[in-house]
């Protein structure tokens, strides 16, 4: 099966420090992580090279979807590179088949970059190796998550964040 890379770019009307914080601070991630019908009840994030993350998304029916990864590169305010895998609640990698995606690789790679655009921030996501049959669904999920992130950023006041 042919695998594809998702590349999405979004410009947020917020300074880079604010976007970085929303992307990396567990309490802020909880506000936007996951497609529009999902919540994020658990976010753990050890943001350093070799550190790991463990995120949970919860759908409208209450089903939890866990993901984990290891940070391969972290450049403050510039770039994050991490592995990305489905997981159980303890952070152990599980087969994507357990989440209904049997022909997906156990481990993908995610790169996120942050660039100043005046008072705005250009965020670029590169998520590698999605099977073609899940590509559109995953792009939609990312776009819905980024819409939620945009709402969070619009409702935060940078002065209150001690940036």
C-alpha atoms as a PDB file:
ATOM      1  CA  UNK A   1       0.000   0.000   0.000  1.00  0.00           C
ATOM      2  CA  UNK A   2       1.277   3.438  -0.947  1.00  0.00           C
ATOM      3  CA  UNK A   3       2.053   5.695   2.005  1.00  0.00           C
ATOM      4  CA  UNK A   4       1.680   9.454   1.805  1.00  0.00           C
ATOM      5  CA  UNK A   5       2.996  12.426   3.735  1.00  0.00           C
ATOM      6  CA  UNK A   6       0.637  15.016   5.193  1.00  0.00           C
ATOM      7  CA  UNK A   7       1.988  18.545   4.927  1.00  0.00           C
ATOM      8  CA  UNK A   8      -0.156  21.315   6.383  1.00  0.00           C
ATOM      9  CA  UNK A   9       0.654  24.972   6.905  1.00  0.00           C
ATOM     10  CA  UNK A  10      -1.364  27.375   8.982  1.00  0.00           C
ATOM     11  CA  UNK A  11      -0.691  31.015   9.866  1.00  0.00           C
ATOM     12  CA  UNK A  12      -1.936  32.015  13.311  1.00  0.00           C
ATOM     13  CA  UNK A  13      -2.596  35.568  14.428  1.00  0.00           C
ATOM     14  CA  UNK A  14      -0.388  35.110  17.500  1.00  0.00           C
ATOM     15  CA  UNK A  15       3.299  35.498  18.315  1.00  0.00           C
ATOM     16  CA  UNK A  16       5.507  32.441  17.964  1.00  0.00           C
ATOM     17  CA  UNK A  17       6.025  32.131  21.742  1.00  0.00           C
ATOM     18  CA  UNK A  18       2.263  31.870  22.255  1.00  0.00           C
ATOM     19  CA  UNK A  19       1.843  29.236  19.530  1.00  0.00           C
ATOM     20  CA  UNK A  20       4.813  27.258  20.871  1.00  0.00           C
ATOM     21  CA  UNK A  21       3.345  27.310  24.368  1.00  0.00           C
ATOM     22  CA  UNK A  22      -0.073  26.199  23.125  1.00  0.00           C
ATOM     23  CA  UNK A  23       1.628  23.323  21.271  1.00  0.00           C
ATOM     24  CA  UNK A  24       3.858  22.205  24.156  1.00  0.00           C
ATOM     25  CA  UNK A  25       2.162  23.022  27.485  1.00  0.00           C
ATOM     26  CA  UNK A  26      -0.022  20.067  28.600  1.00  0.00           C
ATOM     27  CA  UNK A  27      -2.823  22.243  30.013  1.00  0.00           C
ATOM     28  CA  UNK A  28      -3.048  24.233  26.792  1.00  0.00           C
ATOM     29  CA  UNK A  29      -2.808  21.138  24.581  1.00  0.00           C
ATOM     30  CA  UNK A  30      -5.883  19.773  26.380  1.00  0.00           C
ATOM     31  CA  UNK A  31      -7.857  22.742  25.034  1.00  0.00           C
ATOM     32  CA  UNK A  32      -7.385  21.901  21.363  1.00  0.00           C
ATOM     33  CA  UNK A  33      -5.918  18.418  20.759  1.00  0.00           C
ATOM     34  CA  UNK A  34      -8.037  16.206  18.505  1.00  0.00           C
ATOM     35  CA  UNK A  35     -10.726  16.683  15.877  1.00  0.00           C
ATOM     36  CA  UNK A  36     -13.745  18.874  16.677  1.00  0.00           C
ATOM     37  CA  UNK A  37     -15.878  16.140  18.277  1.00  0.00           C
ATOM     38  CA  UNK A  38     -13.004  14.994  20.526  1.00  0.00           C
ATOM     39  CA  UNK A  39     -11.676  16.132  23.874  1.00  0.00           C
ATOM     40  CA  UNK A  40      -8.202  15.575  25.316  1.00  0.00           C
ATOM     41  CA  UNK A  41      -8.613  14.375  28.915  1.00  0.00           C
ATOM     42  CA  UNK A  42      -4.974  13.367  29.461  1.00  0.00           C
ATOM     43  CA  UNK A  43      -1.817  15.012  28.143  1.00  0.00           C
ATOM     44  CA  UNK A  44       1.673  14.182  29.400  1.00  0.00           C
ATOM     45  CA  UNK A  45       4.614  15.852  27.735  1.00  0.00           C
ATOM     46  CA  UNK A  46       8.351  15.528  28.493  1.00  0.00           C
ATOM     47  CA  UNK A  47       9.571  17.948  25.829  1.00  0.00           C
ATOM     48  CA  UNK A  48      13.282  17.189  25.423  1.00  0.00           C
ATOM     49  CA  UNK A  49      15.333  15.047  23.074  1.00  0.00           C
ATOM     50  CA  UNK A  50      14.700  11.476  24.237  1.00  0.00           C
ATOM     51  CA  UNK A  51      11.638  12.558  26.231  1.00  0.00           C
ATOM     52  CA  UNK A  52       8.216  11.129  25.493  1.00  0.00           C
ATOM     53  CA  UNK A  53       4.619  12.228  25.239  1.00  0.00           C
ATOM     54  CA  UNK A  54       1.387  10.390  25.961  1.00  0.00           C
ATOM     55  CA  UNK A  55      -1.846  11.978  24.742  1.00  0.00           C
ATOM     56  CA  UNK A  56      -5.423  10.729  25.007  1.00  0.00           C
ATOM     57  CA  UNK A  57      -8.270  11.811  22.739  1.00  0.00           C
ATOM     58  CA  UNK A  58     -11.847  10.951  23.673  1.00  0.00           C
ATOM     59  CA  UNK A  59     -14.613  10.698  21.083  1.00  0.00           C
ATOM     60  CA  UNK A  60     -18.283  11.604  21.585  1.00  0.00           C
ATOM     61  CA  UNK A  61     -19.093   8.008  22.611  1.00  0.00           C
ATOM     62  CA  UNK A  62     -16.393   8.059  25.296  1.00  0.00           C
ATOM     63  CA  UNK A  63     -13.801   5.884  23.531  1.00  0.00           C
ATOM     64  CA  UNK A  64     -10.205   6.845  24.306  1.00  0.00           C
ATOM     65  CA  UNK A  65      -7.493   6.918  21.645  1.00  0.00           C
ATOM     66  CA  UNK A  66      -3.975   7.029  23.059  1.00  0.00           C
ATOM     67  CA  UNK A  67      -0.867   8.147  21.202  1.00  0.00           C
ATOM     68  CA  UNK A  68       2.765   8.265  22.224  1.00  0.00           C
ATOM     69  CA  UNK A  69       6.111   9.156  20.804  1.00  0.00           C
ATOM     70  CA  UNK A  70       9.700  10.043  21.527  1.00  0.00           C
ATOM     71  CA  UNK A  71      11.201  13.430  20.793  1.00  0.00           C
ATOM     72  CA  UNK A  72      14.071  13.164  18.307  1.00  0.00           C
ATOM     73  CA  UNK A  73      14.767  16.894  17.913  1.00  0.00           C
ATOM     74  CA  UNK A  74      13.577  19.877  19.952  1.00  0.00           C
ATOM     75  CA  UNK A  75      14.684  23.378  19.010  1.00  0.00           C
ATOM     76  CA  UNK A  76      12.987  25.920  21.255  1.00  0.00           C
ATOM     77  CA  UNK A  77      10.490  28.088  19.326  1.00  0.00           C
ATOM     78  CA  UNK A  78      11.639  26.556  16.016  1.00  0.00           C
ATOM     79  CA  UNK A  79      11.127  22.841  15.519  1.00  0.00           C
ATOM     80  CA  UNK A  80       9.928  19.594  17.062  1.00  0.00           C
ATOM     81  CA  UNK A  81      10.532  16.157  15.540  1.00  0.00           C
ATOM     82  CA  UNK A  82       8.972  13.113  17.198  1.00  0.00           C
ATOM     83  CA  UNK A  83       7.884   9.589  16.524  1.00  0.00           C
ATOM     84  CA  UNK A  84       4.132   8.985  16.581  1.00  0.00           C
ATOM     85  CA  UNK A  85       2.432   5.713  17.515  1.00  0.00           C
ATOM     86  CA  UNK A  86      -0.840   4.426  18.884  1.00  0.00           C
ATOM     87  CA  UNK A  87      -0.529   3.411  22.522  1.00  0.00           C
ATOM     88  CA  UNK A  88      -2.298   2.085  25.573  1.00  0.00           C
ATOM     89  CA  UNK A  89      -2.942   4.227  28.665  1.00  0.00           C
ATOM     90  CA  UNK A  90       0.499   3.334  30.063  1.00  0.00           C
ATOM     91  CA  UNK A  91       2.319   4.539  26.947  1.00  0.00           C
ATOM     92  CA  UNK A  92       3.126   1.146  25.484  1.00  0.00           C
ATOM     93  CA  UNK A  93       2.988   1.142  21.691  1.00  0.00           C
ATOM     94  CA  UNK A  94       0.080  -0.898  20.303  1.00  0.00           C
ATOM     95  CA  UNK A  95      -0.719  -1.956  16.785  1.00  0.00           C
ATOM     96  CA  UNK A  96      -2.817   0.539  14.803  1.00  0.00           C
ATOM     97  CA  UNK A  97      -5.123  -2.433  14.104  1.00  0.00           C
ATOM     98  CA  UNK A  98      -6.341  -2.089  17.711  1.00  0.00           C
ATOM     99  CA  UNK A  99      -7.737   1.309  16.692  1.00  0.00           C
ATOM    100  CA  UNK A 100      -9.217   0.061  13.430  1.00  0.00           C
ATOM    101  CA  UNK A 101      -6.291   0.968  11.158  1.00  0.00           C
ATOM    102  CA  UNK A 102      -4.744  -2.408  10.279  1.00  0.00           C
ATOM    103  CA  UNK A 103      -2.449  -1.381   7.436  1.00  0.00           C
ATOM    104  CA  UNK A 104      -0.790   1.574   9.160  1.00  0.00           C
ATOM    105  CA  UNK A 105       2.840   1.422  10.317  1.00  0.00           C
ATOM    106  CA  UNK A 106       3.411   1.080  14.055  1.00  0.00           C
ATOM    107  CA  UNK A 107       5.536   4.231  14.062  1.00  0.00           C
ATOM    108  CA  UNK A 108       5.236   7.413  12.023  1.00  0.00           C
ATOM    109  CA  UNK A 109       7.270  10.618  12.131  1.00  0.00           C
ATOM    110  CA  UNK A 110       5.914  14.069  12.935  1.00  0.00           C
ATOM    111  CA  UNK A 111       7.775  17.335  12.351  1.00  0.00           C
ATOM    112  CA  UNK A 112       6.364  20.685  13.429  1.00  0.00           C
ATOM    113  CA  UNK A 113       8.065  23.989  12.621  1.00  0.00           C
ATOM    114  CA  UNK A 114       7.301  27.468  13.942  1.00  0.00           C
ATOM    115  CA  UNK A 115       8.236  30.613  11.980  1.00  0.00           C
ATOM    116  CA  UNK A 116       7.729  34.305  12.665  1.00  0.00           C
ATOM    117  CA  UNK A 117       5.584  36.140  10.142  1.00  0.00           C
ATOM    118  CA  UNK A 118       5.577  39.625  11.666  1.00  0.00           C
ATOM    119  CA  UNK A 119       3.166  39.392  14.622  1.00  0.00           C
ATOM    120  CA  UNK A 120       1.868  36.095  13.272  1.00  0.00           C
ATOM    121  CA  UNK A 121       3.239  32.568  13.332  1.00  0.00           C
ATOM    122  CA  UNK A 122       3.501  30.125  10.461  1.00  0.00           C
ATOM    123  CA  UNK A 123       3.152  26.569  11.714  1.00  0.00           C
ATOM    124  CA  UNK A 124       3.986  23.686   9.383  1.00  0.00           C
ATOM    125  CA  UNK A 125       3.187  20.046  10.126  1.00  0.00           C
ATOM    126  CA  UNK A 126       4.806  17.190   8.225  1.00  0.00           C
ATOM    127  CA  UNK A 127       3.366  13.812   9.247  1.00  0.00           C
ATOM    128  CA  UNK A 128       4.982  10.978   7.300  1.00  0.00           C
ATOM    129  CA  UNK A 129       3.859   7.534   6.162  1.00  0.00           C
ATOM    130  CA  UNK A 130       0.058   7.559   6.263  1.00  0.00           C
ATOM    131  CA  UNK A 131      -1.538   4.805   4.199  1.00  0.00           C
ATOM    132  CA  UNK A 132      -3.391   6.347   1.279  1.00  0.00           C
ATOM    133  CA  UNK A 133      -6.753   5.001   2.479  1.00  0.00           C
ATOM    134  CA  UNK A 134      -6.465   6.972   5.776  1.00  0.00           C
ATOM    135  CA  UNK A 135      -4.888  10.093   4.299  1.00  0.00           C
ATOM    136  CA  UNK A 136      -8.049  12.212   3.849  1.00  0.00           C
ATOM    137  CA  UNK A 137      -9.374  11.244   7.288  1.00  0.00           C
ATOM    138  CA  UNK A 138      -6.079  12.213   8.933  1.00  0.00           C
ATOM    139  CA  UNK A 139      -5.839  15.510   7.036  1.00  0.00           C
ATOM    140  CA  UNK A 140      -9.382  16.328   8.179  1.00  0.00           C
ATOM    141  CA  UNK A 141      -8.471  15.458  11.775  1.00  0.00           C
ATOM    142  CA  UNK A 142      -5.395  17.662  11.699  1.00  0.00           C
ATOM    143  CA  UNK A 143      -7.329  20.556  10.154  1.00  0.00           C
ATOM    144  CA  UNK A 144     -10.056  20.301  12.790  1.00  0.00           C
ATOM    145  CA  UNK A 145      -7.399  20.243  15.525  1.00  0.00           C
ATOM    146  CA  UNK A 146      -5.716  23.302  14.028  1.00  0.00           C
ATOM    147  CA  UNK A 147      -9.097  25.085  13.884  1.00  0.00           C
ATOM    148  CA  UNK A 148      -9.466  24.414  17.613  1.00  0.00           C
ATOM    149  CA  UNK A 149      -5.902  25.633  18.219  1.00  0.00           C
ATOM    150  CA  UNK A 150      -6.723  28.829  16.332  1.00  0.00           C
ATOM    151  CA  UNK A 151      -9.763  29.366  18.588  1.00  0.00           C
ATOM    152  CA  UNK A 152      -7.616  28.853  21.700  1.00  0.00           C
ATOM    153  CA  UNK A 153      -5.001  31.315  20.460  1.00  0.00           C
ATOM    154  CA  UNK A 154      -7.643  33.932  19.609  1.00  0.00           C
ATOM    155  CA  UNK A 155      -9.089  33.674  23.115  1.00  0.00           C
ATOM    156  CA  UNK A 156      -5.767  33.870  24.970  1.00  0.00           C
ATOM    157  CA  UNK A 157      -4.163  37.166  25.778  1.00  0.00           C
ATOM    158  CA  UNK A 158      -0.383  37.037  25.366  1.00  0.00           C
ATOM    159  CA  UNK A 159       0.163  39.379  28.341  1.00  0.00           C
ATOM    160  CA  UNK A 160      -1.596  36.857  30.606  1.00  0.00           C
ATOM    161  CA  UNK A 161       0.764  34.101  29.435  1.00  0.00           C
ATOM    162  CA  UNK A 162       3.905  35.890  30.672  1.00  0.00           C
ATOM    163  CA  UNK A 163       5.477  35.741  27.222  1.00  0.00           C
END
